[in-house]
Amino acid sequence: MADAMKRIKRTELALERTEKMLAENIALCSRIRAQRCLVEAAYRLVEIGRPASNEDGLKA
């Protein structure tokens, strides 16, 4: 019976560690996603800010 209780306790500790790692991974994923959105927004602003090219090579 004592062995079963030890296994249960180890399993509970492993579950707690797994839940903590999962929470950390979710937080990291959220930060990465937010940073990617910022980079994409900055890229769009750069694209909007570029002057349109003139095919004749003349300045408008």
Protein backbone atom coordinates (compact mmCIF):
# COMPACT_ATOMS: atom_id res chain seq x y z
CA MET A 1 0.00 0.00 0.00
CA ALA A 2 2.85 2.40 0.77
CA ASP A 3 4.33 1.84 -2.70
CA ALA A 4 1.01 2.77 -4.30
CA MET A 5 0.85 5.97 -2.24
CA LYS A 6 4.40 6.89 -3.31
CA ARG A 7 3.51 6.33 -6.97
CA ILE A 8 0.39 8.45 -6.57
CA LYS A 9 2.42 11.26 -4.98
CA ARG A 10 5.07 11.10 -7.75
CA THR A 11 2.32 11.16 -10.37
CA GLU A 12 0.70 14.19 -8.73
CA LEU A 13 4.03 16.03 -8.67
CA ALA A 14 4.67 15.14 -12.31
CA LEU A 15 1.20 16.41 -13.21
CA GLU A 16 1.83 19.70 -11.40
CA ARG A 17 5.15 20.16 -13.23
CA THR A 18 3.47 19.36 -16.54
CA GLU A 19 0.71 21.88 -15.90
CA LYS A 20 3.28 24.54 -15.03
CA MET A 21 5.30 23.85 -18.19
CA LEU A 22 2.12 23.95 -20.27
CA ALA A 23 1.17 27.34 -18.82
CA GLU A 24 4.67 28.65 -19.57
CA ASN A 25 4.49 27.35 -23.14
CA ILE A 26 1.09 28.96 -23.68
CA ALA A 27 2.43 32.29 -22.37
CA LEU A 28 5.48 32.03 -24.63
CA CYS A 29 3.31 31.20 -27.63
CA SER A 30 1.14 34.24 -26.92
CA ARG A 31 4.20 36.51 -26.75
CA ILE A 32 5.57 35.10 -30.00
CA ARG A 33 2.21 35.57 -31.71
CA ALA A 34 1.99 39.18 -30.48
CA GLN A 35 5.52 39.91 -31.71
CA ARG A 36 4.72 38.40 -35.10
CA CYS A 37 1.65 40.64 -35.36
CA LEU A 38 3.81 43.67 -34.61
CA VAL A 39 6.37 42.69 -37.23
CA GLU A 40 3.64 42.13 -39.83
CA ALA A 41 2.06 45.49 -39.00
CA ALA A 42 5.42 47.23 -39.32
CA TYR A 43 6.00 45.53 -42.66
CA ARG A 44 2.60 46.73 -43.90
CA LEU A 45 3.44 50.29 -42.82
CA VAL A 46 6.71 50.13 -44.71
CA GLU A 47 4.90 48.88 -47.81
CA ILE A 48 2.32 51.67 -47.54
CA GLY A 49 5.04 54.30 -47.07
CA ARG A 50 7.02 53.33 -50.17
CA PRO A 51 6.53 55.62 -53.14
CA ALA A 52 4.87 54.04 -56.14
CA SER A 53 7.41 53.20 -58.81
CA ASN A 54 7.02 54.84 -62.18
CA GLU A 55 7.57 52.45 -65.06
CA ASP A 56 9.05 55.23 -67.26
CA GLY A 57 11.76 55.87 -64.72
CA LEU A 58 10.58 59.47 -64.39
CA LYS A 59 9.93 61.08 -61.08
CA ALA A 60 6.32 62.00 -60.46
